[in-house]
Amino acid sequence: MYMDSQEIKHTLEFQKLWSNRLSDSINCLAVGKPFLEDLSEENDILIGTTAGRVLILNQTKPVEGLLETKGGSIQSILLHDLTGFGAMDLAVGDCDGIVTLFSRQQILSKRDFGSAITDLNIHGDLAGGCEIIAGDINGNLTSFQQHDALWKMNISEESAKLATLGVIWDEYGMSFSVRRLAHGNFLNSTDLRRFVAHSHKKSTRPQKLDFQQVLMAGKDGCVYIMIDFEIHPWFRVGFCLERIMRFRPSTLEEGETDMVICTGHSNEVMIYHDGKQVSHIRTSDWPHAITLGDINADGQDELILGLLDYTVEVYEWKIHKN
């Protein structure tokens, strides 16, 4: 059952700072300063394209080609100091299953995973080292470093369901297709009792839970939440969802829950908090790529959208407490 309307604690106001129309399609986005030790100046937007190129863009200069992978359509970009020399190196995954590592615009290594890369992530250890985790469309998760393979596991059945819009059944026996996942502290103690009435002690003030939850974006336009391995419908966005992303403004209090950004088959971006809509952005075309990052070095992340009409849009935000 979907949540009844409750008091909205916050509203968000988004204002477009600038935009730029490109001649290349936009597959993925990242924010940072690749190959530089000095990160004091404003950050750039890195754009992965269908042509296998990484473009670099900021407000003060036209778009430039940063590098060419000589491979397929770029699906994921990751910035991190992979070599330990203080500069931001670049990992790029493409549709041919190749992950290429770059340092100072030179290729460090190439690794062939055999299937299209869907995501890249970094996992750091207590000793200051790191490993890259690559996920591919066949459900393989592979951990590696520049010259070493560390471990590999396959979650093909579940991953194939997600990649092919597979069907999952909720607690009511209704089927829905999952497009994307997000994890964070989205649910508070009051809303938890709406799903599992006996599972949490009552509190006088709603607080975020001390464990993270998984959200699922449905093809049916609904966002679902997994609690104790059961899937519950939480709120309806109203159009087929392609991406959901955790968003936590720095001005939120410690006990408050995370927000979630939703995009899909519509010329708009919807932002929700505690299951209620708190903001809305109208765009010229469907958002195809989305990320957060501090573009103008003001200490606050901006929202960056890559649209299907090849436009990059950058938004700042203000939060209002009701």
C-alpha atoms as a PDB file:
ATOM      1  CA  MET A   1       0.000   0.000   0.000  1.00  0.00           C
ATOM      2  CA  TYR A   2       1.330   3.413  -0.903  1.00  0.00           C
ATOM      3  CA  MET A   3       2.032   5.976   1.779  1.00  0.00           C
ATOM      4  CA  ASP A   4      -0.590   8.517   2.732  1.00  0.00           C
ATOM      5  CA  SER A   5       0.324  12.174   2.475  1.00  0.00           C
ATOM      6  CA  GLN A   6       2.149  13.461   5.540  1.00  0.00           C
ATOM      7  CA  GLU A   7       3.782  16.695   6.483  1.00  0.00           C
ATOM      8  CA  ILE A   8       6.646  17.556   4.120  1.00  0.00           C
ATOM      9  CA  LYS A   9       9.647  18.549   6.239  1.00  0.00           C
ATOM     10  CA  HIS A  10      11.746  20.063   3.459  1.00  0.00           C
ATOM     11  CA  THR A  11      11.376  21.520  -0.001  1.00  0.00           C
ATOM     12  CA  LEU A  12      14.222  21.850  -2.481  1.00  0.00           C
ATOM     13  CA  GLU A  13      14.669  24.680  -4.951  1.00  0.00           C
ATOM     14  CA  PHE A  14      16.840  23.980  -8.013  1.00  0.00           C
ATOM     15  CA  GLN A  15      18.263  26.707 -10.236  1.00  0.00           C
ATOM     16  CA  LYS A  16      20.063  26.045 -13.502  1.00  0.00           C
ATOM     17  CA  LEU A  17      23.577  27.504 -13.444  1.00  0.00           C
ATOM     18  CA  TRP A  18      24.511  26.750 -17.048  1.00  0.00           C
ATOM     19  CA  SER A  19      24.107  24.258 -19.860  1.00  0.00           C
ATOM     20  CA  ASN A  20      26.016  23.173 -22.955  1.00  0.00           C
ATOM     21  CA  ARG A  21      24.814  21.395 -26.096  1.00  0.00           C
ATOM     22  CA  LEU A  22      27.320  18.813 -27.360  1.00  0.00           C
ATOM     23  CA  SER A  23      27.754  17.041 -30.681  1.00  0.00           C
ATOM     24  CA  ASP A  24      28.232  13.650 -28.977  1.00  0.00           C
ATOM     25  CA  SER A  25      25.784  11.460 -27.115  1.00  0.00           C
ATOM     26  CA  ILE A  26      26.110  11.310 -23.325  1.00  0.00           C
ATOM     27  CA  ASN A  27      26.368   7.855 -21.761  1.00  0.00           C
ATOM     28  CA  CYS A  28      27.817   8.593 -18.327  1.00  0.00           C
ATOM     29  CA  LEU A  29      29.153  11.465 -16.239  1.00  0.00           C
ATOM     30  CA  ALA A  30      31.774  12.059 -13.555  1.00  0.00           C
ATOM     31  CA  VAL A  31      33.100  15.156 -11.759  1.00  0.00           C
ATOM     32  CA  GLY A  32      36.720  15.922 -10.917  1.00  0.00           C
ATOM     33  CA  LYS A  33      40.166  16.958 -12.146  1.00  0.00           C
ATOM     34  CA  PRO A  34      41.844  14.013 -13.874  1.00  0.00           C
ATOM     35  CA  PHE A  35      45.644  13.679 -13.867  1.00  0.00           C
ATOM     36  CA  LEU A  36      46.214  16.734 -11.621  1.00  0.00           C
ATOM     37  CA  GLU A  37      47.612  16.868  -8.078  1.00  0.00           C
ATOM     38  CA  ASP A  38      46.225  20.358  -7.385  1.00  0.00           C
ATOM     39  CA  LEU A  39      42.473  20.130  -6.845  1.00  0.00           C
ATOM     40  CA  SER A  40      41.972  23.697  -5.590  1.00  0.00           C
ATOM     41  CA  GLU A  41      40.474  25.047  -8.814  1.00  0.00           C
ATOM     42  CA  GLU A  42      36.985  24.351 -10.110  1.00  0.00           C
ATOM     43  CA  ASN A  43      36.228  20.793 -11.150  1.00  0.00           C
ATOM     44  CA  ASP A  44      35.446  19.565 -14.652  1.00  0.00           C
ATOM     45  CA  ILE A  45      32.641  17.370 -15.932  1.00  0.00           C
ATOM     46  CA  LEU A  46      33.869  14.190 -17.604  1.00  0.00           C
ATOM     47  CA  ILE A  47      31.552  12.747 -20.255  1.00  0.00           C
ATOM     48  CA  GLY A  48      31.676   9.191 -21.594  1.00  0.00           C
ATOM     49  CA  THR A  49      30.340   8.944 -25.148  1.00  0.00           C
ATOM     50  CA  THR A  50      29.088   6.275 -27.529  1.00  0.00           C
ATOM     51  CA  ALA A  51      32.127   6.860 -29.758  1.00  0.00           C
ATOM     52  CA  GLY A  52      34.524   5.686 -27.025  1.00  0.00           C
ATOM     53  CA  ARG A  53      35.770   9.183 -26.216  1.00  0.00           C
ATOM     54  CA  VAL A  54      36.012  10.918 -22.849  1.00  0.00           C
ATOM     55  CA  LEU A  55      35.171  14.615 -23.143  1.00  0.00           C
ATOM     56  CA  ILE A  56      35.942  17.304 -20.576  1.00  0.00           C
ATOM     57  CA  LEU A  57      33.705  20.310 -19.965  1.00  0.00           C
ATOM     58  CA  ASN A  58      33.396  23.281 -17.649  1.00  0.00           C
ATOM     59  CA  GLN A  59      31.635  26.625 -17.740  1.00  0.00           C
ATOM     60  CA  THR A  60      34.661  28.716 -18.726  1.00  0.00           C
ATOM     61  CA  LYS A  61      35.826  26.858 -21.842  1.00  0.00           C
ATOM     62  CA  PRO A  62      34.337  24.822 -24.674  1.00  0.00           C
ATOM     63  CA  VAL A  63      34.151  21.053 -24.580  1.00  0.00           C
ATOM     64  CA  GLU A  64      37.417  19.277 -25.347  1.00  0.00           C
ATOM     65  CA  GLY A  65      38.424  15.694 -26.042  1.00  0.00           C
ATOM     66  CA  LEU A  66      40.333  14.384 -23.015  1.00  0.00           C
ATOM     67  CA  LEU A  67      41.245  10.989 -24.432  1.00  0.00           C
ATOM     68  CA  GLU A  68      40.126   8.185 -26.724  1.00  0.00           C
ATOM     69  CA  THR A  69      39.920   4.637 -25.431  1.00  0.00           C
ATOM     70  CA  LYS A  70      40.091   3.108 -28.941  1.00  0.00           C
ATOM     71  CA  GLY A  71      37.264   0.887 -27.732  1.00  0.00           C
ATOM     72  CA  GLY A  72      33.504   0.667 -27.623  1.00  0.00           C
ATOM     73  CA  SER A  73      30.771   2.841 -26.170  1.00  0.00           C
ATOM     74  CA  ILE A  74      31.767   4.051 -22.687  1.00  0.00           C
ATOM     75  CA  GLN A  75      29.430   2.828 -19.949  1.00  0.00           C
ATOM     76  CA  SER A  76      31.178   3.928 -16.746  1.00  0.00           C
ATOM     77  CA  ILE A  77      33.844   6.441 -15.654  1.00  0.00           C
ATOM     78  CA  LEU A  78      35.658   6.382 -12.326  1.00  0.00           C
ATOM     79  CA  LEU A  79      38.121   8.951 -10.905  1.00  0.00           C
ATOM     80  CA  HIS A  80      40.532   7.875  -8.170  1.00  0.00           C
ATOM     81  CA  ASP A  81      44.204   8.037  -7.213  1.00  0.00           C
ATOM     82  CA  LEU A  82      44.967   4.525  -8.426  1.00  0.00           C
ATOM     83  CA  THR A  83      48.766   4.874  -8.472  1.00  0.00           C
ATOM     84  CA  GLY A  84      49.204   6.580  -5.091  1.00  0.00           C
ATOM     85  CA  PHE A  85      51.048   9.570  -6.563  1.00  0.00           C
ATOM     86  CA  GLY A  86      48.420  12.138  -5.523  1.00  0.00           C
ATOM     87  CA  ALA A  87      46.850  12.702  -8.954  1.00  0.00           C
ATOM     88  CA  MET A  88      43.383  11.598 -10.005  1.00  0.00           C
ATOM     89  CA  ASP A  89      43.684   8.650 -12.376  1.00  0.00           C
ATOM     90  CA  LEU A  90      40.887   7.442 -14.618  1.00  0.00           C
ATOM     91  CA  ALA A  91      39.189   4.056 -15.049  1.00  0.00           C
ATOM     92  CA  VAL A  92      36.892   3.633 -18.067  1.00  0.00           C
ATOM     93  CA  GLY A  93      34.602   0.658 -18.765  1.00  0.00           C
ATOM     94  CA  ASP A  94      33.007   0.090 -22.188  1.00  0.00           C
ATOM     95  CA  CYS A  95      30.378  -2.009 -23.933  1.00  0.00           C
ATOM     96  CA  ASP A  96      33.006  -4.448 -25.242  1.00  0.00           C
ATOM     97  CA  GLY A  97      33.907  -5.463 -21.684  1.00  0.00           C
ATOM     98  CA  ILE A  98      37.222  -3.589 -21.602  1.00  0.00           C
ATOM     99  CA  VAL A  99      38.311  -1.616 -18.540  1.00  0.00           C
ATOM    100  CA  THR A 100      41.158   0.788 -19.336  1.00  0.00           C
ATOM    101  CA  LEU A 101      43.189   2.537 -16.627  1.00  0.00           C
ATOM    102  CA  PHE A 102      44.775   5.900 -17.435  1.00  0.00           C
ATOM    103  CA  SER A 103      47.363   7.920 -15.528  1.00  0.00           C
ATOM    104  CA  ARG A 104      48.575  11.297 -16.802  1.00  0.00           C
ATOM    105  CA  GLN A 105      46.720  10.549 -20.053  1.00  0.00           C
ATOM    106  CA  GLN A 106      48.787   7.409 -20.623  1.00  0.00           C
ATOM    107  CA  ILE A 107      47.333   3.902 -20.605  1.00  0.00           C
ATOM    108  CA  LEU A 108      48.385   1.995 -17.490  1.00  0.00           C
ATOM    109  CA  SER A 109      46.605  -1.244 -18.322  1.00  0.00           C
ATOM    110  CA  LYS A 110      43.709  -2.805 -20.193  1.00  0.00           C
ATOM    111  CA  ARG A 111      41.657  -5.703 -18.882  1.00  0.00           C
ATOM    112  CA  ASP A 112      39.104  -7.676 -20.914  1.00  0.00           C
ATOM    113  CA  PHE A 113      36.114  -8.977 -18.974  1.00  0.00           C
ATOM    114  CA  GLY A 114      34.321 -10.404 -22.003  1.00  0.00           C
ATOM    115  CA  SER A 115      30.958  -8.727 -21.352  1.00  0.00           C
ATOM    116  CA  ALA A 116      29.740  -5.132 -21.377  1.00  0.00           C
ATOM    117  CA  ILE A 117      30.752  -3.226 -18.244  1.00  0.00           C
ATOM    118  CA  THR A 118      27.776  -1.772 -16.373  1.00  0.00           C
ATOM    119  CA  ASP A 119      29.470  -0.141 -13.379  1.00  0.00           C
ATOM    120  CA  LEU A 120      32.829   0.579 -11.748  1.00  0.00           C
ATOM    121  CA  ASN A 121      33.425   1.168  -8.053  1.00  0.00           C
ATOM    122  CA  ILE A 122      36.359   1.659  -5.692  1.00  0.00           C
ATOM    123  CA  HIS A 123      36.775  -0.161  -2.385  1.00  0.00           C
ATOM    124  CA  GLY A 124      39.444   1.202  -0.035  1.00  0.00           C
ATOM    125  CA  ASP A 125      41.140  -0.729   2.767  1.00  0.00           C
ATOM    126  CA  LEU A 126      42.467   0.370   6.150  1.00  0.00           C
ATOM    127  CA  ALA A 127      46.051   0.353   4.868  1.00  0.00           C
ATOM    128  CA  GLY A 128      45.270   3.028   2.301  1.00  0.00           C
ATOM    129  CA  GLY A 129      45.160   0.717  -0.683  1.00  0.00           C
ATOM    130  CA  CYS A 130      42.257   0.206  -3.008  1.00  0.00           C
ATOM    131  CA  GLU A 131      40.705  -2.275  -5.377  1.00  0.00           C
ATOM    132  CA  ILE A 132      38.513  -1.643  -8.404  1.00  0.00           C
ATOM    133  CA  ILE A 133      35.265  -3.603  -8.593  1.00  0.00           C
ATOM    134  CA  ALA A 134      33.770  -4.021 -12.065  1.00  0.00           C
ATOM    135  CA  GLY A 135      30.267  -5.297 -12.742  1.00  0.00           C
ATOM    136  CA  ASP A 136      29.260  -6.613 -16.144  1.00  0.00           C
ATOM    137  CA  ILE A 137      25.968  -7.357 -17.868  1.00  0.00           C
ATOM    138  CA  ASN A 138      26.309 -11.118 -17.308  1.00  0.00           C
ATOM    139  CA  GLY A 139      26.315 -10.743 -13.541  1.00  0.00           C
ATOM    140  CA  ASN A 140      30.055 -11.018 -12.866  1.00  0.00           C
ATOM    141  CA  LEU A 141      31.657  -8.932 -10.131  1.00  0.00           C
ATOM    142  CA  THR A 142      35.440  -8.778 -10.470  1.00  0.00           C
ATOM    143  CA  SER A 143      37.907  -7.129  -8.108  1.00  0.00           C
ATOM    144  CA  PHE A 144      41.304  -6.146  -9.449  1.00  0.00           C
ATOM    145  CA  GLN A 145      44.215  -3.764  -9.128  1.00  0.00           C
ATOM    146  CA  GLN A 146      46.443  -2.326 -11.823  1.00  0.00           C
ATOM    147  CA  HIS A 147      48.301  -5.583 -12.506  1.00  0.00           C
ATOM    148  CA  ASP A 148      46.523  -8.149 -10.331  1.00  0.00           C
ATOM    149  CA  ALA A 149      43.174  -9.940 -10.346  1.00  0.00           C
ATOM    150  CA  LEU A 150      41.940 -10.294  -6.742  1.00  0.00           C
ATOM    151  CA  TRP A 151      38.601 -12.112  -6.760  1.00  0.00           C
ATOM    152  CA  LYS A 152      35.568 -12.831  -8.908  1.00  0.00           C
ATOM    153  CA  MET A 153      32.004 -13.887  -8.203  1.00  0.00           C
ATOM    154  CA  ASN A 154      28.921 -14.428 -10.335  1.00  0.00           C
ATOM    155  CA  ILE A 155      25.412 -13.287  -9.480  1.00  0.00           C
ATOM    156  CA  SER A 156      24.149 -13.937 -12.989  1.00  0.00           C
ATOM    157  CA  GLU A 157      20.575 -14.946 -12.225  1.00  0.00           C
ATOM    158  CA  GLU A 158      19.761 -11.836 -10.203  1.00  0.00           C
ATOM    159  CA  SER A 159      21.849  -9.514 -12.380  1.00  0.00           C
ATOM    160  CA  ALA A 160      20.292 -10.820 -15.588  1.00  0.00           C
ATOM    161  CA  LYS A 161      16.874 -10.023 -14.167  1.00  0.00           C
ATOM    162  CA  LEU A 162      17.924  -6.430 -13.617  1.00  0.00           C
ATOM    163  CA  ALA A 163      19.730  -6.050 -16.949  1.00  0.00           C
ATOM    164  CA  THR A 164      16.842  -7.455 -18.999  1.00  0.00           C
ATOM    165  CA  LEU A 165      14.068  -5.770 -17.011  1.00  0.00           C
ATOM    166  CA  GLY A 166      13.338  -9.074 -15.312  1.00  0.00           C
ATOM    167  CA  VAL A 167      10.304  -9.639 -13.146  1.00  0.00           C
ATOM    168  CA  ILE A 168      10.361  -9.672  -9.341  1.00  0.00           C
ATOM    169  CA  TRP A 169       7.359 -10.445  -7.149  1.00  0.00           C
ATOM    170  CA  ASP A 170       6.348  -8.251  -4.232  1.00  0.00           C
ATOM    171  CA  GLU A 171       4.556  -9.242  -1.023  1.00  0.00           C
ATOM    172  CA  TYR A 172       1.144  -8.907  -2.678  1.00  0.00           C
ATOM    173  CA  GLY A 173       1.957 -11.303  -5.507  1.00  0.00           C
ATOM    174  CA  MET A 174       2.241  -8.451  -8.008  1.00  0.00           C
ATOM    175  CA  SER A 175       5.072  -8.543 -10.521  1.00  0.00           C
ATOM    176  CA  PHE A 176       7.207  -5.561 -11.478  1.00  0.00           C
ATOM    177  CA  SER A 177      10.347  -4.943 -13.522  1.00  0.00           C
ATOM    178  CA  VAL A 178      13.421  -3.485 -11.825  1.00  0.00           C
ATOM    179  CA  ARG A 179      15.520  -0.913 -13.686  1.00  0.00           C
ATOM    180  CA  ARG A 180      18.020   0.364 -11.083  1.00  0.00           C
ATOM    181  CA  LEU A 181      18.948   0.029  -7.412  1.00  0.00           C
ATOM    182  CA  ALA A 182      20.052   2.556  -4.800  1.00  0.00           C
ATOM    183  CA  HIS A 183      21.122   2.063  -1.193  1.00  0.00           C
ATOM    184  CA  GLY A 184      21.153   4.482   1.725  1.00  0.00           C
ATOM    185  CA  ASN A 185      19.246   5.536   4.850  1.00  0.00           C
ATOM    186  CA  PHE A 186      15.923   6.408   3.213  1.00  0.00           C
ATOM    187  CA  LEU A 187      13.439   5.167   5.816  1.00  0.00           C
ATOM    188  CA  ASN A 188      12.653   6.608   9.229  1.00  0.00           C
ATOM    189  CA  SER A 189      11.313   4.828  12.308  1.00  0.00           C
ATOM    190  CA  THR A 190       7.743   6.003  11.743  1.00  0.00           C
ATOM    191  CA  ASP A 191       7.554   4.787   8.145  1.00  0.00           C
ATOM    192  CA  LEU A 192       9.114   1.446   9.102  1.00  0.00           C
ATOM    193  CA  ARG A 193       6.113   0.701  11.344  1.00  0.00           C
ATOM    194  CA  ARG A 194       3.847   1.171   8.326  1.00  0.00           C
ATOM    195  CA  PHE A 195       5.522  -1.826   6.700  1.00  0.00           C
ATOM    196  CA  VAL A 196       6.395  -3.971   9.735  1.00  0.00           C
ATOM    197  CA  ALA A 197       4.183  -2.911  12.616  1.00  0.00           C
ATOM    198  CA  HIS A 198       5.828  -5.047  15.335  1.00  0.00           C
ATOM    199  CA  SER A 199       9.470  -4.674  14.336  1.00  0.00           C
ATOM    200  CA  HIS A 200      10.503  -1.349  15.838  1.00  0.00           C
ATOM    201  CA  LYS A 201       9.965   0.379  19.143  1.00  0.00           C
ATOM    202  CA  LYS A 202       7.921   3.541  19.035  1.00  0.00           C
ATOM    203  CA  SER A 203       9.688   6.889  19.299  1.00  0.00           C
ATOM    204  CA  THR A 204       8.368  10.374  19.840  1.00  0.00           C
ATOM    205  CA  ARG A 205      10.306  11.745  16.860  1.00  0.00           C
ATOM    206  CA  PRO A 206      10.980  10.014  13.528  1.00  0.00           C
ATOM    207  CA  GLN A 207      14.654   9.114  13.162  1.00  0.00           C
ATOM    208  CA  LYS A 208      16.537   7.496  10.310  1.00  0.00           C
ATOM    209  CA  LEU A 209      17.198   3.815  10.824  1.00  0.00           C
ATOM    210  CA  ASP A 210      20.662   2.630  11.840  1.00  0.00           C
ATOM    211  CA  PHE A 211      20.856   0.218   8.908  1.00  0.00           C
ATOM    212  CA  GLN A 212      20.761   0.944   5.183  1.00  0.00           C
ATOM    213  CA  GLN A 213      17.902   0.034   2.877  1.00  0.00           C
ATOM    214  CA  VAL A 214      17.779  -0.934  -0.794  1.00  0.00           C
ATOM    215  CA  LEU A 215      15.477   0.946  -3.159  1.00  0.00           C
ATOM    216  CA  MET A 216      14.365  -0.468  -6.511  1.00  0.00           C
ATOM    217  CA  ALA A 217      13.219   1.610  -9.476  1.00  0.00           C
ATOM    218  CA  GLY A 218      10.328  -0.078 -11.263  1.00  0.00           C
ATOM    219  CA  LYS A 219       9.419  -0.039 -14.922  1.00  0.00           C
ATOM    220  CA  ASP A 220       5.865   0.560 -13.665  1.00  0.00           C
ATOM    221  CA  GLY A 221       6.876   3.994 -12.328  1.00  0.00           C
ATOM    222  CA  CYS A 222       6.985   2.986  -8.668  1.00  0.00           C
ATOM    223  CA  VAL A 223       9.851   2.935  -6.199  1.00  0.00           C
ATOM    224  CA  TYR A 224      10.012  -0.198  -4.048  1.00  0.00           C
ATOM    225  CA  ILE A 225      11.881  -0.780  -0.809  1.00  0.00           C
ATOM    226  CA  MET A 226      13.344  -4.024   0.535  1.00  0.00           C
ATOM    227  CA  ILE A 227      12.892  -4.654   4.262  1.00  0.00           C
ATOM    228  CA  ASP A 228      13.866  -7.997   5.852  1.00  0.00           C
ATOM    229  CA  PHE A 229      14.170  -9.471   2.344  1.00  0.00           C
ATOM    230  CA  GLU A 230      10.576  -8.542   1.526  1.00  0.00           C
ATOM    231  CA  ILE A 231       9.799  -6.010  -1.195  1.00  0.00           C
ATOM    232  CA  HIS A 232       7.189  -3.322  -0.532  1.00  0.00           C
ATOM    233  CA  PRO A 233       5.872  -0.587  -2.868  1.00  0.00           C
ATOM    234  CA  TRP A 234       6.749   2.777  -1.324  1.00  0.00           C
ATOM    235  CA  PHE A 235       5.789   5.661  -3.614  1.00  0.00           C
ATOM    236  CA  ARG A 236       4.715   6.225  -7.205  1.00  0.00           C
ATOM    237  CA  VAL A 237       6.645   8.580  -9.497  1.00  0.00           C
ATOM    238  CA  GLY A 238       4.317   8.101 -12.459  1.00  0.00           C
ATOM    239  CA  PHE A 239       6.606   7.271 -15.398  1.00  0.00           C
ATOM    240  CA  CYS A 240       8.918   4.371 -16.316  1.00  0.00           C
ATOM    241  CA  LEU A 241      12.035   4.783 -14.182  1.00  0.00           C
ATOM    242  CA  GLU A 242      15.555   4.382 -15.541  1.00  0.00           C
ATOM    243  CA  ARG A 243      17.685   5.703 -12.673  1.00  0.00           C
ATOM    244  CA  ILE A 244      17.435   6.446  -8.978  1.00  0.00           C
ATOM    245  CA  MET A 245      20.211   8.032  -6.943  1.00  0.00           C
ATOM    246  CA  ARG A 246      20.800   8.710  -3.261  1.00  0.00           C
ATOM    247  CA  PHE A 247      21.046  12.439  -2.477  1.00  0.00           C
ATOM    248  CA  ARG A 248      22.029  13.767   0.921  1.00  0.00           C
ATOM    249  CA  PRO A 249      22.242  17.578   1.164  1.00  0.00           C
ATOM    250  CA  SER A 250      24.915  18.672   3.623  1.00  0.00           C
ATOM    251  CA  THR A 251      22.378  20.788   5.513  1.00  0.00           C
ATOM    252  CA  LEU A 252      20.280  17.805   6.620  1.00  0.00           C
ATOM    253  CA  GLU A 253      20.484  17.011  10.322  1.00  0.00           C
ATOM    254  CA  GLU A 254      22.207  13.803  11.409  1.00  0.00           C
ATOM    255  CA  GLY A 255      18.958  12.033  12.309  1.00  0.00           C
ATOM    256  CA  GLU A 256      17.233  12.834   9.019  1.00  0.00           C
ATOM    257  CA  THR A 257      16.875  10.389   6.160  1.00  0.00           C
ATOM    258  CA  ASP A 258      18.459  10.533   2.701  1.00  0.00           C
ATOM    259  CA  MET A 259      16.638  11.899  -0.333  1.00  0.00           C
ATOM    260  CA  VAL A 260      16.282  10.059  -3.638  1.00  0.00           C
ATOM    261  CA  ILE A 261      16.488  11.465  -7.181  1.00  0.00           C
ATOM    262  CA  CYS A 262      14.388   9.731  -9.862  1.00  0.00           C
ATOM    263  CA  THR A 263      14.660   9.980 -13.664  1.00  0.00           C
ATOM    264  CA  GLY A 264      13.231   7.980 -16.549  1.00  0.00           C
ATOM    265  CA  HIS A 265      10.942   8.210 -19.564  1.00  0.00           C
ATOM    266  CA  SER A 266       9.916  11.800 -18.968  1.00  0.00           C
ATOM    267  CA  ASN A 267      11.318  15.312 -19.430  1.00  0.00           C
ATOM    268  CA  GLU A 268      11.717  15.799 -15.700  1.00  0.00           C
ATOM    269  CA  VAL A 269      13.651  14.969 -12.554  1.00  0.00           C
ATOM    270  CA  MET A 270      11.727  14.122  -9.388  1.00  0.00           C
ATOM    271  CA  ILE A 271      13.205  14.359  -5.871  1.00  0.00           C
ATOM    272  CA  TYR A 272      11.625  12.596  -2.879  1.00  0.00           C
ATOM    273  CA  HIS A 273      12.181  12.649   0.874  1.00  0.00           C
ATOM    274  CA  ASP A 274      10.489  10.195   3.247  1.00  0.00           C
ATOM    275  CA  GLY A 275       8.361   9.020   0.325  1.00  0.00           C
ATOM    276  CA  LYS A 276       7.068  12.503  -0.515  1.00  0.00           C
ATOM    277  CA  GLN A 277       7.954  14.706  -3.468  1.00  0.00           C
ATOM    278  CA  VAL A 278      10.000  17.715  -2.370  1.00  0.00           C
ATOM    279  CA  SER A 279      11.175  19.077  -5.730  1.00  0.00           C
ATOM    280  CA  HIS A 280      10.785  18.793  -9.484  1.00  0.00           C
ATOM    281  CA  ILE A 281      12.926  19.870 -12.467  1.00  0.00           C
ATOM    282  CA  ARG A 282      11.561  20.211 -16.013  1.00  0.00           C
ATOM    283  CA  THR A 283      14.099  19.364 -18.746  1.00  0.00           C
ATOM    284  CA  SER A 284      14.169  19.715 -22.544  1.00  0.00           C
ATOM    285  CA  ASP A 285      14.560  15.941 -23.068  1.00  0.00           C
ATOM    286  CA  TRP A 286      14.792  12.728 -21.068  1.00  0.00           C
ATOM    287  CA  PRO A 287      17.727  12.669 -18.611  1.00  0.00           C
ATOM    288  CA  HIS A 288      19.996   9.798 -19.674  1.00  0.00           C
ATOM    289  CA  ALA A 289      22.927  10.308 -17.277  1.00  0.00           C
ATOM    290  CA  ILE A 290      23.011  11.888 -13.836  1.00  0.00           C
ATOM    291  CA  THR A 291      25.646  12.592 -11.199  1.00  0.00           C
ATOM    292  CA  LEU A 292      26.459  14.880  -8.276  1.00  0.00           C
ATOM    293  CA  GLY A 293      29.675  16.831  -7.760  1.00  0.00           C
ATOM    294  CA  ASP A 294      31.121  20.146  -6.624  1.00  0.00           C
ATOM    295  CA  ILE A 295      31.638  21.891  -9.966  1.00  0.00           C
ATOM    296  CA  ASN A 296      32.312  25.442  -8.789  1.00  0.00           C
ATOM    297  CA  ALA A 297      34.345  24.614  -5.635  1.00  0.00           C
ATOM    298  CA  ASP A 298      31.842  26.213  -3.264  1.00  0.00           C
ATOM    299  CA  GLY A 299      31.744  23.213  -0.950  1.00  0.00           C
ATOM    300  CA  GLN A 300      28.307  22.040  -2.123  1.00  0.00           C
ATOM    301  CA  ASP A 301      27.558  19.431  -4.746  1.00  0.00           C
ATOM    302  CA  GLU A 302      25.713  20.466  -7.880  1.00  0.00           C
ATOM    303  CA  LEU A 303      23.333  18.222  -9.831  1.00  0.00           C
ATOM    304  CA  ILE A 304      24.575  17.401 -13.351  1.00  0.00           C
ATOM    305  CA  LEU A 305      22.259  15.965 -15.995  1.00  0.00           C
ATOM    306  CA  GLY A 306      23.095  14.501 -19.382  1.00  0.00           C
ATOM    307  CA  LEU A 307      20.044  14.605 -21.672  1.00  0.00           C
ATOM    308  CA  LEU A 308      19.174  12.528 -24.715  1.00  0.00           C
ATOM    309  CA  ASP A 309      19.402  15.655 -26.892  1.00  0.00           C
ATOM    310  CA  TYR A 310      23.175  15.825 -26.070  1.00  0.00           C
ATOM    311  CA  THR A 311      22.740  18.662 -23.543  1.00  0.00           C
ATOM    312  CA  VAL A 312      24.597  18.869 -20.228  1.00  0.00           C
ATOM    313  CA  GLU A 313      22.770  20.869 -17.541  1.00  0.00           C
ATOM    314  CA  VAL A 314      24.198  21.964 -14.170  1.00  0.00           C
ATOM    315  CA  TYR A 315      21.931  22.909 -11.247  1.00  0.00           C
ATOM    316  CA  GLU A 316      22.543  24.363  -7.827  1.00  0.00           C
ATOM    317  CA  TRP A 317      20.068  23.811  -5.019  1.00  0.00           C
ATOM    318  CA  LYS A 318      18.723  25.402  -1.858  1.00  0.00           C
ATOM    319  CA  ILE A 319      16.850  23.546   0.858  1.00  0.00           C
ATOM    320  CA  HIS A 320      13.949  25.113   2.763  1.00  0.00           C
ATOM    321  CA  LYS A 321      12.799  23.704   6.064  1.00  0.00           C
ATOM    322  CA  ASN A 322       9.041  23.762   6.604  1.00  0.00           C
END
